[in-house]
Amino acid sequence: MKNIIKYSLWAIVTVFALTSCDPQESTDYALGETPTENQLSFTATPSTSNSNIIDFANTSEINGVAVWNLGNGSNAKGEAASSKYPMAGTYTVTMTLYTSGGSATISKAITIAKNDFSLLNTPMYNALTGGASNLQGKTWVFDQYNDGHFGVGPAGGDSPSWWICPAGGKDGSSLYTQEFTFTQVGVKMTWKNNGSVYTNANGAAGLKALGYGNAVLNPTVGDYDVVYQPKASYTFNLNEADKTITLSDGAFFGHYAGTSTYKIITLTDDVMYIKCVSTVESGNGWWYRLVPKEKNVKPVVPLKAIALNDNFESATNTLAFVPQDMGTHTSANYSNPSPMGLNTSSKVYLYEKSSAFYSNLSYTVSGYKFDLSKVNKVRMKVFIPSYNNYDDTFATAGDWVTINQLQSQVAVKLQNNGLGGNAYTTQTEIVKANLAKDKWLSLEFDFSTVKDRTDYDKIVIQFGAEGHAAPGIFFFDDFSFSE
C-alpha cells in the first residue's frame, strides 16, 4: 500500500536529534557551492528491537544540517532520527541537507512488511481513542457546561485572552451538535453533526469558497451556522513528538477556522484541550476544550442565599479580599482615619489605588453561585479623602478610556469568576459617583435588577474609576452582601 494512503493514518515518532543548530548557525563548513543530490546519502536501518522502528543516519559526503520528512507526517532535524511505523506500507522518507551554499534533497522508499499496533499503545493514543480494545472508539464533544470550552486569543499566545465562552454560551448553535469518534484500530475518525458547522463571517466566507455557501446567521448567539455534511469516515494523524493532531480530508473540530491541524495542550482520559491558528483570520488563535460524550453532563452548581459581611475589626478577616495591582499601603485592618459621624469603629479597610490601570479588590465564593433572588444588596460605609489628587490628568489604558483623572467614586461589580480574565464581559456594575469627601457615607448597591442571573460568584470593589493611572487612598468599612 502506498504512503499517500498511509500518510494521514497516523504518526507517532520519537526523534533523536544529535544537532539542533539552524543552517546559518553551523561553522563546520565554509561558504561553498550549492550541493547536489549525488553528494547526499542516508541509511535506513530497522531497529534490533522492532522491525517497525527505523533508524536513519546521514551519510552524505559533505557537511551540513540534515532535515528529515519521515513519510508519516513527522519531521526531524539532525544527523540521526528514529521513527515508528505501526502500519504496513511503503513510506517515502526525504532528507534535505542545508549547507552554506544552498540545499539539496534525496528521497528513499521505506517498506514496512506488517502491522504492529502495539506501537500505538501510548498514553496519548489511548487517551484519545480508549485503546486498541475499544473497537467502538471514543467519542468527544465540546465541554459545553463549563466555562472556557471555546475561546479566541492571539495566534502566538498561550491562552484565549481576548474572549472565553461561558458555560452554554453557544446554546442554540450547531457547535454543540458536533461529535468526534476516534478509533485506534484502523486509525479512524467519525464525525457526526446535525448537518451544520459553526463559524464567524470570515469562516463563512472561507467555507463558501470551498462550495459550502449555505450560511445562516444565528440570531441566538451570533455568527453563522453553515450547512456542512461530514464524510462517512476520516483518518487522523497524531504526532506525539510535536503534540499535534491533524484530521484528514479537510475535517475540523466543528468550528471552521481554515485548518485541520491542532496543537494539543492537554490530552487525558477526561479532557482534550487544543488550539489552532486560523488561516481565515490573520493573527487569531482558537482554543477548544472537549470531553468524552458520556461525561458531558451539566454540573449541579447550587444557588445559595448566604449573607457575607466583615467589619475589619479583627486581624483575621471574615472576608479575605484579593488585591489586584493594589498599592503597598493597602490594609484590611487599618485605624479609622475619622472615627466620628456614621462610623466610630476602630478599624477599617485602607484601599490604595496604585498607578495600575485596573486596581481592585475582589472576593469569590466557593462551591456555589449567588442566589440573587434573595441576597442582592451590597452595603458599605466609605470615606473619600480630599487630599488625593483629583485635578491632574494621567495616562490611560487606551483611547477608549474617557476618564483620565482620579474620581471620588466607588464601583461594585458582580462577575462570573469562571471566565477568568474575561469575567468583566458578563459583569453587572453599579457606580456611586461624585461622592462627598472627608466624611463617612453609607452606600447601598442594589442588584435586584439582575435577580434572575445564576452565574455570579464574585464581588469586585473598585475606587477612583478604572482605566487610568491616577493613584489614591480610600477607606471602606462594614461591608455586607445580604437581603
Foldseek 3Di string as FASTA:
>chain_A
DALVVQQFFAFEFDWDAPDDDDQVPDPPDDQDAEDEPVQWDKDWDQDPVDNQKIKMFTPGPDDFKKKKDQQNRDIDIHRMTMTGHQAFYKGKMKIWGQHNRGIYMDIDIDGDHHGHLVVLPDQQSCLQFVDQVPQFTFKKAFLQQAKQQKAKDFPPDDHRLPFIQGRNLPPPAFRRQWMWGAHSVSQKIAIDTPQWFFEAPLQQVVVVVVVFNAWDARPPNGGTITGDDDDGIWHKYQYPVQQKIFIPPQDDNRYGQPGRIWHFPDGHNFKTKIKDDGPSDPGMMMIHIMGTPVPSDNDDQAADADKDWFFLCDQDTPFDWDKDQWDPVWDSFDADPDCDDPHNDGGWTKTKHALAQDIWIKTFDPRHFHQLQFWFKKKKKKAAAPPFFQDDFFDFPDPVDPDGGFFQKKKKKWFQCSRPSCRVVPIDMDMDGPDDHDDIDIDMDGRNVPSVDGRTGMMMMDHRDGGYRGIDIMIMGTIMTGD
